[in-house]
PDB file of N, CA and C in Angstrom:
ATOM      1  N   MET A   1      73.966 -56.341 -11.195  1.00  0.00           N
ATOM      2  CA  MET A   1      74.534 -57.658 -11.331  1.00  0.00           C
ATOM      3  C   MET A   1      74.488 -58.066 -12.791  1.00  0.00           C
ATOM      4  N   LYS A   2      75.414 -58.917 -13.197  1.00  0.00           N
ATOM      5  CA  LYS A   2      75.445 -59.407 -14.568  1.00  0.00           C
ATOM      6  C   LYS A   2      74.670 -60.714 -14.642  1.00  0.00           C
ATOM      7  N   LEU A   3      73.820 -60.797 -15.649  1.00  0.00           N
ATOM      8  CA  LEU A   3      73.038 -62.003 -15.879  1.00  0.00           C
ATOM      9  C   LEU A   3      73.350 -62.533 -17.265  1.00  0.00           C
ATOM     10  N   SER A   4      73.253 -63.834 -17.412  1.00  0.00           N
ATOM     11  CA  SER A   4      73.438 -64.469 -18.712  1.00  0.00           C
ATOM     12  C   SER A   4      72.230 -65.361 -18.962  1.00  0.00           C
ATOM     13  N   VAL A   5      71.499 -65.035 -20.023  1.00  0.00           N
ATOM     14  CA  VAL A   5      70.287 -65.772 -20.356  1.00  0.00           C
ATOM     15  C   VAL A   5      70.340 -66.129 -21.833  1.00  0.00           C
ATOM     16  N   GLY A   6      70.273 -67.408 -22.117  1.00  0.00           N
ATOM     17  CA  GLY A   6      70.282 -67.857 -23.506  1.00  0.00           C
ATOM     18  C   GLY A   6      71.509 -67.420 -24.278  1.00  0.00           C
ATOM     19  N   GLY A   7      72.637 -67.326 -23.590  1.00  0.00           N
ATOM     20  CA  GLY A   7      73.872 -66.925 -24.238  1.00  0.00           C
ATOM     21  C   GLY A   7      74.068 -65.421 -24.344  1.00  0.00           C
ATOM     22  N   GLU A   8      73.102 -64.647 -23.903  1.00  0.00           N
ATOM     23  CA  GLU A   8      73.205 -63.192 -23.921  1.00  0.00           C
ATOM     24  C   GLU A   8      73.475 -62.699 -22.499  1.00  0.00           C
ATOM     25  N   THR A   9      74.445 -61.806 -22.357  1.00  0.00           N
ATOM     26  CA  THR A   9      74.806 -61.254 -21.057  1.00  0.00           C
ATOM     27  C   THR A   9      74.348 -59.800 -20.992  1.00  0.00           C
ATOM     28  N   PHE A  10      73.793 -59.440 -19.844  1.00  0.00           N
ATOM     29  CA  PHE A  10      73.345 -58.068 -19.647  1.00  0.00           C
ATOM     30  C   PHE A  10      73.439 -57.717 -18.174  1.00  0.00           C
ATOM     31  N   THR A  11      73.408 -56.432 -17.885  1.00  0.00           N
ATOM     32  CA  THR A  11      73.475 -55.933 -16.514  1.00  0.00           C
ATOM     33  C   THR A  11      72.064 -55.580 -16.066  1.00  0.00           C
ATOM     34  N   HIS A  12      71.766 -55.939 -14.823  1.00  0.00           N
ATOM     35  CA  HIS A  12      70.440 -55.684 -14.260  1.00  0.00           C
ATOM     36  C   HIS A  12      70.626 -55.189 -12.824  1.00  0.00           C
ATOM     37  N   THR A  13      69.999 -54.070 -12.496  1.00  0.00           N
ATOM     38  CA  THR A  13      70.079 -53.530 -11.141  1.00  0.00           C
ATOM     39  C   THR A  13      69.035 -54.210 -10.274  1.00  0.00           C
ATOM     40  N   VAL A  14      69.493 -54.797  -9.170  1.00  0.00           N
ATOM     41  CA  VAL A  14      68.631 -55.586  -8.294  1.00  0.00           C
ATOM     42  C   VAL A  14      68.975 -55.271  -6.849  1.00  0.00           C
ATOM     43  N   ASN A  15      67.959 -55.169  -6.010  1.00  0.00           N
ATOM     44  CA  ASN A  15      68.210 -55.028  -4.572  1.00  0.00           C
ATOM     45  C   ASN A  15      68.960 -56.255  -4.075  1.00  0.00           C
ATOM     46  N   PHE A  16      69.848 -56.040  -3.122  1.00  0.00           N
ATOM     47  CA  PHE A  16      70.642 -57.147  -2.590  1.00  0.00           C
ATOM     48  C   PHE A  16      69.748 -58.286  -2.101  1.00  0.00           C
ATOM     49  N   ALA A  17      68.648 -57.946  -1.446  1.00  0.00           N
ATOM     50  CA  ALA A  17      67.746 -58.962  -0.891  1.00  0.00           C
ATOM     51  C   ALA A  17      67.100 -59.817  -1.979  1.00  0.00           C
ATOM     52  N   ASP A  18      67.051 -59.332  -3.205  1.00  0.00           N
ATOM     53  CA  ASP A  18      66.395 -60.057  -4.305  1.00  0.00           C
ATOM     54  C   ASP A  18      67.361 -60.849  -5.176  1.00  0.00           C
ATOM     55  N   GLN A  19      68.648 -60.761  -4.907  1.00  0.00           N
ATOM     56  CA  GLN A  19      69.632 -61.381  -5.793  1.00  0.00           C
ATOM     57  C   GLN A  19      69.495 -62.895  -5.898  1.00  0.00           C
ATOM     58  N   ASN A  20      69.191 -63.576  -4.808  1.00  0.00           N
ATOM     59  CA  ASN A  20      69.032 -65.039  -4.892  1.00  0.00           C
ATOM     60  C   ASN A  20      67.851 -65.415  -5.771  1.00  0.00           C
ATOM     61  N   ARG A  21      66.760 -64.669  -5.649  1.00  0.00           N
ATOM     62  CA  ARG A  21      65.586 -64.938  -6.478  1.00  0.00           C
ATOM     63  C   ARG A  21      65.909 -64.699  -7.952  1.00  0.00           C
ATOM     64  N   VAL A  22      66.646 -63.632  -8.227  1.00  0.00           N
ATOM     65  CA  VAL A  22      67.021 -63.317  -9.600  1.00  0.00           C
ATOM     66  C   VAL A  22      67.920 -64.410 -10.166  1.00  0.00           C
ATOM     67  N   ARG A  23      68.845 -64.906  -9.373  1.00  0.00           N
ATOM     68  CA  ARG A  23      69.721 -66.000  -9.832  1.00  0.00           C
ATOM     69  C   ARG A  23      68.899 -67.278 -10.092  1.00  0.00           C
ATOM     70  N   ASP A  24      67.892 -67.529  -9.249  1.00  0.00           N
ATOM     71  CA  ASP A  24      67.020 -68.683  -9.473  1.00  0.00           C
ATOM     72  C   ASP A  24      66.262 -68.551 -10.789  1.00  0.00           C
ATOM     73  N   VAL A  25      65.774 -67.346 -11.068  1.00  0.00           N
ATOM     74  CA  VAL A  25      65.068 -67.103 -12.329  1.00  0.00           C
ATOM     75  C   VAL A  25      66.022 -67.301 -13.502  1.00  0.00           C
ATOM     76  N   GLU A  26      67.214 -66.760 -13.385  1.00  0.00           N
ATOM     77  CA  GLU A  26      68.225 -66.917 -14.432  1.00  0.00           C
ATOM     78  C   GLU A  26      68.481 -68.399 -14.708  1.00  0.00           C
ATOM     79  N   LYS A  27      68.615 -69.175 -13.654  1.00  0.00           N
ATOM     80  CA  LYS A  27      68.859 -70.610 -13.799  1.00  0.00           C
ATOM     81  C   LYS A  27      67.670 -71.313 -14.450  1.00  0.00           C
ATOM     82  N   ASP A  28      66.456 -70.998 -13.993  1.00  0.00           N
ATOM     83  CA  ASP A  28      65.266 -71.646 -14.550  1.00  0.00           C
ATOM     84  C   ASP A  28      65.116 -71.353 -16.044  1.00  0.00           C
ATOM     85  N   VAL A  29      65.335 -70.097 -16.425  1.00  0.00           N
ATOM     86  CA  VAL A  29      65.221 -69.729 -17.839  1.00  0.00           C
ATOM     87  C   VAL A  29      66.295 -70.447 -18.650  1.00  0.00           C
ATOM     88  N   ASN A  30      67.522 -70.451 -18.166  1.00  0.00           N
ATOM     89  CA  ASN A  30      68.606 -71.121 -18.886  1.00  0.00           C
ATOM     90  C   ASN A  30      68.399 -72.625 -18.967  1.00  0.00           C
ATOM     91  N   ASP A  31      67.873 -73.221 -17.905  1.00  0.00           N
ATOM     92  CA  ASP A  31      67.609 -74.664 -17.940  1.00  0.00           C
ATOM     93  C   ASP A  31      66.581 -75.008 -19.018  1.00  0.00           C
ATOM     94  N   LEU A  32      65.491 -74.238 -19.070  1.00  0.00           N
ATOM     95  CA  LEU A  32      64.463 -74.498 -20.076  1.00  0.00           C
ATOM     96  C   LEU A  32      65.007 -74.211 -21.477  1.00  0.00           C
ATOM     97  N   TYR A  33      65.757 -73.129 -21.614  1.00  0.00           N
ATOM     98  CA  TYR A  33      66.361 -72.793 -22.901  1.00  0.00           C
ATOM     99  C   TYR A  33      67.259 -73.933 -23.392  1.00  0.00           C
ATOM    100  N   THR A  34      68.121 -74.437 -22.515  1.00  0.00           N
ATOM    101  CA  THR A  34      69.040 -75.510 -22.877  1.00  0.00           C
ATOM    102  C   THR A  34      68.270 -76.778 -23.254  1.00  0.00           C
ATOM    103  N   LYS A  35      67.258 -77.101 -22.481  1.00  0.00           N
ATOM    104  CA  LYS A  35      66.439 -78.287 -22.749  1.00  0.00           C
ATOM    105  C   LYS A  35      65.787 -78.190 -24.126  1.00  0.00           C
ATOM    106  N   TRP A  36      65.177 -77.042 -24.396  1.00  0.00           N
ATOM    107  CA  TRP A  36      64.491 -76.883 -25.675  1.00  0.00           C
ATOM    108  C   TRP A  36      65.463 -76.713 -26.835  1.00  0.00           C
ATOM    109  N   ARG A  37      66.640 -76.146 -26.594  1.00  0.00           N
ATOM    110  CA  ARG A  37      67.659 -76.011 -27.635  1.00  0.00           C
ATOM    111  C   ARG A  37      68.053 -77.398 -28.135  1.00  0.00           C
ATOM    112  N   LYS A  38      68.198 -78.344 -27.190  1.00  0.00           N
ATOM    113  CA  LYS A  38      68.542 -79.724 -27.554  1.00  0.00           C
ATOM    114  C   LYS A  38      67.366 -80.428 -28.221  1.00  0.00           C
ATOM    115  N   ARG A  39      66.161 -80.152 -27.737  1.00  0.00           N
ATOM    116  CA  ARG A  39      64.958 -80.821 -28.249  1.00  0.00           C
ATOM    117  C   ARG A  39      64.587 -80.341 -29.659  1.00  0.00           C
ATOM    118  N   PHE A  40      64.874 -79.080 -29.963  1.00  0.00           N
ATOM    119  CA  PHE A  40      64.523 -78.492 -31.252  1.00  0.00           C
ATOM    120  C   PHE A  40      65.781 -77.935 -31.935  1.00  0.00           C
ATOM    121  N   PRO A  41      66.688 -78.817 -32.353  1.00  0.00           N
ATOM    122  CA  PRO A  41      67.966 -78.342 -32.895  1.00  0.00           C
ATOM    123  C   PRO A  41      67.838 -77.548 -34.199  1.00  0.00           C
ATOM    124  N   GLY A  42      66.754 -77.718 -34.922  1.00  0.00           N
ATOM    125  CA  GLY A  42      66.588 -77.004 -36.181  1.00  0.00           C
ATOM    126  C   GLY A  42      66.095 -75.580 -36.025  1.00  0.00           C
ATOM    127  N   MET A  43      65.674 -75.222 -34.832  1.00  0.00           N
ATOM    128  CA  MET A  43      65.160 -73.863 -34.597  1.00  0.00           C
ATOM    129  C   MET A  43      66.297 -72.911 -34.261  1.00  0.00           C
ATOM    130  N   THR A  44      66.089 -71.659 -34.587  1.00  0.00           N
ATOM    131  CA  THR A  44      67.107 -70.653 -34.270  1.00  0.00           C
ATOM    132  C   THR A  44      67.102 -70.371 -32.763  1.00  0.00           C
ATOM    133  N   ASP A  45      68.208 -69.829 -32.291  1.00  0.00           N
ATOM    134  CA  ASP A  45      68.292 -69.439 -30.879  1.00  0.00           C
ATOM    135  C   ASP A  45      67.182 -68.447 -30.538  1.00  0.00           C
ATOM    136  N   ARG A  46      66.927 -67.551 -31.465  1.00  0.00           N
ATOM    137  CA  ARG A  46      65.903 -66.529 -31.250  1.00  0.00           C
ATOM    138  C   ARG A  46      64.512 -67.152 -31.100  1.00  0.00           C
ATOM    139  N   THR A  47      64.208 -68.149 -31.931  1.00  0.00           N
ATOM    140  CA  THR A  47      62.905 -68.819 -31.843  1.00  0.00           C
ATOM    141  C   THR A  47      62.770 -69.576 -30.534  1.00  0.00           C
ATOM    142  N   VAL A  48      63.831 -70.261 -30.128  1.00  0.00           N
ATOM    143  CA  VAL A  48      63.798 -70.998 -28.863  1.00  0.00           C
ATOM    144  C   VAL A  48      63.605 -70.029 -27.701  1.00  0.00           C
ATOM    145  N   MET A  49      64.305 -68.891 -27.723  1.00  0.00           N
ATOM    146  CA  MET A  49      64.147 -67.914 -26.647  1.00  0.00           C
ATOM    147  C   MET A  49      62.736 -67.340 -26.645  1.00  0.00           C
ATOM    148  N   ALA A  50      62.154 -67.155 -27.820  1.00  0.00           N
ATOM    149  CA  ALA A  50      60.774 -66.675 -27.889  1.00  0.00           C
ATOM    150  C   ALA A  50      59.826 -67.695 -27.262  1.00  0.00           C
ATOM    151  N   MET A  51      60.075 -68.971 -27.500  1.00  0.00           N
ATOM    152  CA  MET A  51      59.256 -70.025 -26.897  1.00  0.00           C
ATOM    153  C   MET A  51      59.399 -70.023 -25.378  1.00  0.00           C
ATOM    154  N   VAL A  52      60.614 -69.835 -24.896  1.00  0.00           N
ATOM    155  CA  VAL A  52      60.865 -69.774 -23.450  1.00  0.00           C
ATOM    156  C   VAL A  52      60.133 -68.570 -22.851  1.00  0.00           C
ATOM    157  N   ALA A  53      60.246 -67.423 -23.506  1.00  0.00           N
ATOM    158  CA  ALA A  53      59.558 -66.218 -23.022  1.00  0.00           C
ATOM    159  C   ALA A  53      58.052 -66.453 -22.973  1.00  0.00           C
ATOM    160  N   TYR A  54      57.527 -67.080 -23.999  1.00  0.00           N
ATOM    161  CA  TYR A  54      56.093 -67.366 -24.036  1.00  0.00           C
ATOM    162  C   TYR A  54      55.694 -68.287 -22.887  1.00  0.00           C
ATOM    163  N   GLN A  55      56.498 -69.307 -22.626  1.00  0.00           N
ATOM    164  CA  GLN A  55      56.212 -70.256 -21.544  1.00  0.00           C
ATOM    165  C   GLN A  55      56.144 -69.536 -20.197  1.00  0.00           C
ATOM    166  N   PHE A  56      57.129 -68.694 -19.915  1.00  0.00           N
ATOM    167  CA  PHE A  56      57.141 -67.996 -18.632  1.00  0.00           C
ATOM    168  C   PHE A  56      56.045 -66.939 -18.553  1.00  0.00           C
ATOM    169  N   ALA A  57      55.732 -66.295 -19.667  1.00  0.00           N
ATOM    170  CA  ALA A  57      54.631 -65.321 -19.681  1.00  0.00           C
ATOM    171  C   ALA A  57      53.304 -66.021 -19.427  1.00  0.00           C
ATOM    172  N   THR A  58      53.143 -67.210 -19.976  1.00  0.00           N
ATOM    173  CA  THR A  58      51.927 -67.989 -19.737  1.00  0.00           C
ATOM    174  C   THR A  58      51.794 -68.340 -18.263  1.00  0.00           C
ATOM    175  N   HIS A  59      52.888 -68.777 -17.655  1.00  0.00           N
ATOM    176  CA  HIS A  59      52.869 -69.079 -16.217  1.00  0.00           C
ATOM    177  C   HIS A  59      52.507 -67.827 -15.409  1.00  0.00           C
ATOM    178  N   TYR A  60      53.078 -66.703 -15.790  1.00  0.00           N
ATOM    179  CA  TYR A  60      52.804 -65.447 -15.098  1.00  0.00           C
ATOM    180  C   TYR A  60      51.318 -65.103 -15.172  1.00  0.00           C
ATOM    181  N   LYS A  61      50.743 -65.189 -16.365  1.00  0.00           N
ATOM    182  CA  LYS A  61      49.325 -64.867 -16.537  1.00  0.00           C
ATOM    183  C   LYS A  61      48.446 -65.809 -15.724  1.00  0.00           C
ATOM    184  N   GLU A  62      48.791 -67.104 -15.699  1.00  0.00           N
ATOM    185  CA  GLU A  62      48.030 -68.073 -14.912  1.00  0.00           C
ATOM    186  C   GLU A  62      48.094 -67.737 -13.424  1.00  0.00           C
ATOM    187  N   LEU A  63      49.279 -67.391 -12.947  1.00  0.00           N
ATOM    188  CA  LEU A  63      49.433 -67.024 -11.541  1.00  0.00           C
ATOM    189  C   LEU A  63      48.677 -65.748 -11.205  1.00  0.00           C
ATOM    190  N   MET A  64      48.685 -64.781 -12.111  1.00  0.00           N
ATOM    191  CA  MET A  64      47.943 -63.541 -11.879  1.00  0.00           C
ATOM    192  C   MET A  64      46.444 -63.817 -11.798  1.00  0.00           C
ATOM    193  N   ALA A  65      45.943 -64.691 -12.637  1.00  0.00           N
ATOM    194  CA  ALA A  65      44.517 -65.041 -12.588  1.00  0.00           C
ATOM    195  C   ALA A  65      44.192 -65.734 -11.269  1.00  0.00           C
ATOM    196  N   MET A  66      45.069 -66.626 -10.815  1.00  0.00           N
ATOM    197  CA  MET A  66      44.853 -67.309  -9.535  1.00  0.00           C
ATOM    198  C   MET A  66      44.907 -66.301  -8.382  1.00  0.00           C
ATOM    199  N   TYR A  67      45.832 -65.351  -8.440  1.00  0.00           N
ATOM    200  CA  TYR A  67      45.956 -64.324  -7.411  1.00  0.00           C
ATOM    201  C   TYR A  67      44.695 -63.469  -7.357  1.00  0.00           C
ATOM    202  N   GLU A  68      44.212 -63.063  -8.518  1.00  0.00           N
ATOM    203  CA  GLU A  68      43.003 -62.235  -8.559  1.00  0.00           C
ATOM    204  C   GLU A  68      41.808 -62.981  -7.986  1.00  0.00           C
ATOM    205  N   GLU A  69      41.685 -64.267  -8.300  1.00  0.00           N
ATOM    206  CA  GLU A  69      40.578 -65.071  -7.760  1.00  0.00           C
ATOM    207  C   GLU A  69      40.730 -65.228  -6.249  1.00  0.00           C
ATOM    208  N   ALA A  70      41.954 -65.471  -5.775  1.00  0.00           N
ATOM    209  CA  ALA A  70      42.187 -65.600  -4.337  1.00  0.00           C
ATOM    210  C   ALA A  70      41.871 -64.283  -3.619  1.00  0.00           C
ATOM    211  N   SER A  71      42.239 -63.166  -4.220  1.00  0.00           N
ATOM    212  CA  SER A  71      41.926 -61.861  -3.625  1.00  0.00           C
ATOM    213  C   SER A  71      40.427 -61.631  -3.557  1.00  0.00           C
ATOM    214  N   ARG A  72      39.738 -62.013  -4.622  1.00  0.00           N
ATOM    215  CA  ARG A  72      38.283 -61.863  -4.650  1.00  0.00           C
ATOM    216  C   ARG A  72      37.638 -62.710  -3.553  1.00  0.00           C
ATOM    217  N   LEU A  73      38.093 -63.949  -3.421  1.00  0.00           N
ATOM    218  CA  LEU A  73      37.545 -64.832  -2.388  1.00  0.00           C
ATOM    219  C   LEU A  73      37.865 -64.315  -0.984  1.00  0.00           C
ATOM    220  N   ALA A  74      39.083 -63.796  -0.796  1.00  0.00           N
ATOM    221  CA  ALA A  74      39.457 -63.257   0.511  1.00  0.00           C
ATOM    222  C   ALA A  74      38.581 -62.057   0.860  1.00  0.00           C
ATOM    223  N   SER A  75      38.324 -61.196  -0.108  1.00  0.00           N
ATOM    224  CA  SER A  75      37.452 -60.042   0.135  1.00  0.00           C
ATOM    225  C   SER A  75      36.040 -60.487   0.459  1.00  0.00           C
ATOM    226  N   GLU A  76      35.582 -61.495  -0.243  1.00  0.00           N
ATOM    227  CA  GLU A  76      34.241 -62.032   0.016  1.00  0.00           C
ATOM    228  C   GLU A  76      34.158 -62.603   1.431  1.00  0.00           C
ATOM    229  N   CYS A  77      35.168 -63.348   1.827  1.00  0.00           N
ATOM    230  CA  CYS A  77      35.197 -63.918   3.184  1.00  0.00           C
ATOM    231  C   CYS A  77      35.255 -62.822   4.240  1.00  0.00           C
ATOM    232  N   LEU A  78      36.067 -61.804   3.997  1.00  0.00           N
ATOM    233  CA  LEU A  78      36.166 -60.691   4.932  1.00  0.00           C
ATOM    234  C   LEU A  78      34.814 -60.006   5.072  1.00  0.00           C
ATOM    235  N   GLY A  79      34.124 -59.843   3.958  1.00  0.00           N
ATOM    236  CA  GLY A  79      32.794 -59.247   4.005  1.00  0.00           C
ATOM    237  C   GLY A  79      31.829 -60.080   4.829  1.00  0.00           C
ATOM    238  N   LEU A  80      31.879 -61.384   4.677  1.00  0.00           N
ATOM    239  CA  LEU A  80      31.007 -62.271   5.460  1.00  0.00           C
ATOM    240  C   LEU A  80      31.333 -62.198   6.959  1.00  0.00           C
ATOM    241  N   ILE A  81      32.624 -62.128   7.271  1.00  0.00           N
ATOM    242  CA  ILE A  81      33.048 -62.012   8.672  1.00  0.00           C
ATOM    243  C   ILE A  81      32.549 -60.701   9.259  1.00  0.00           C
ATOM    244  N   GLU A  82      32.703 -59.628   8.505  1.00  0.00           N
ATOM    245  CA  GLU A  82      32.257 -58.323   8.989  1.00  0.00           C
ATOM    246  C   GLU A  82      30.744 -58.292   9.170  1.00  0.00           C
ATOM    247  N   GLU A  83      30.020 -58.935   8.264  1.00  0.00           N
ATOM    248  CA  GLU A  83      28.557 -59.009   8.394  1.00  0.00           C
ATOM    249  C   GLU A  83      28.153 -59.760   9.653  1.00  0.00           C
ATOM    250  N   SER A  84      28.838 -60.892   9.891  1.00  0.00           N
ATOM    251  CA  SER A  84      28.467 -61.699  11.065  1.00  0.00           C
ATOM    252  C   SER A  84      28.878 -61.004  12.364  1.00  0.00           C
ATOM    253  N   SER A  85      29.903 -60.191  12.330  1.00  0.00           N
ATOM    254  CA  SER A  85      30.333 -59.442  13.522  1.00  0.00           C
ATOM    255  C   SER A  85      29.365 -58.304  13.830  1.00  0.00           C
ATOM    256  N   ALA A  86      28.744 -57.775  12.794  1.00  0.00           N
ATOM    257  CA  ALA A  86      27.810 -56.668  12.987  1.00  0.00           C
ATOM    258  C   ALA A  86      26.500 -57.132  13.586  1.00  0.00           C
ATOM    259  N   ASP A  87      26.176 -58.391  13.439  1.00  0.00           N
ATOM    260  CA  ASP A  87      24.896 -58.913  13.957  1.00  0.00           C
ATOM    261  C   ASP A  87      24.904 -59.095  15.419  1.00  0.00           C
TER     262      ASP A  87
END
């Protein structure tokens, strides 16, 4: 499928089932890019796109940390359940 992000168009191979999610991501990135392009008119397109990339990477890292903590807690709970079942 063809995607357009920050004025750049590229082709990306995506499973049919994932296309709506990919379009949502494309829209979210473009919305933030457009918002910041207007907010920081003196910055280059490249700098604004770097800021957008940083923002989404930060969100990704935060979500990964939350996922890892949730997995740790789930494993801990499973261990407690297994212990109580063994008694």
